[in-house]
Each structure stands twice: as C-alpha cells, then as structure tokens.
Amino acid sequence: MKKTTSSTAILVLSLLLLTSPLPAADKNPLPEELPVPGLVTLIDLGAATCIPCKMMAPILEELKKEYEGKAAVVFIDLRYHKEMAGKYQVRAIPTQILFDQNGNEVGRHEGFLPKEAIVNAFEQLGVRK
C-alpha cells in the first residue's frame, strides 16, 4: 500500500509540474542560502496552482511579516525550481520543512498546515513574535 501511495504522490507531483505554464524563474526568487543561516527556517515547497498551497499562501505571508528578523519563512514554487523537489525529497505538495537555527531539519509535514501548528513549532524552537 505504501508503495502505491508513494507512486501516486510522485505521479501527481510530476503531472502538476509538467502541465503548469512556466513563466520566468524570477517570479519566485530564493534566498541565497537555504536554510537561512542563523535563523529558524520554515520552507514550504509547493505550487501556486495547487489548492492546499493556495490555502497556505496567506498564512505564510502573515508569518513572514510577524516573524521578520526572528525566523525565515520561504515558499518555493516547484514549477520554477524543479530541482528543489529532489534536493528536499518532496513526495507531495505542499511539504513544509522546519530547520533549527543551526540548519538541522527538525520537522517535516505534507499537506495543509494550520498557522497555529507553525507558531507552536516556532515556539518550541525558542522563536517568539
């Protein structure tokens, strides 16, 4: 069962990436270094065309403003940065990966993630608004 689920997720991700129009890569610029050095970093990998990703977008924007200078919140649109799917071993979108301030992965989630869960994760890593 797990192999079928994994294969289906990869197929769905591939179809989303291959069937989406590809505007210029500068539509989704990335920080020079990920995770952001010295900051707790949340990386959300998805595509602006997927429904759960669209639901996450306003949450990520709020968090980016609320935690500016205290934590990094980065959205990577895999339509523009396909290589990141392999680099971060993405099986489904959206995928959120949480890194501590030393750049160690400390958490991973697939699918929609409520704001409260992200705030709790930041707090567990000592990040306050």
Foldseek 3Di string as FASTA:
>chain_A
DVVVLLVVLQVVVVCVLVPDDADALVVFDDPPDPPPAQAWEKEWEEACPDDLVVVCVVLLVVCCVQCPPHHYYGYHHCSSVVVVCVVVVPRHPTKIWIAANHGHTDDIDHTHDDSVVVQVVCVVSVGDD
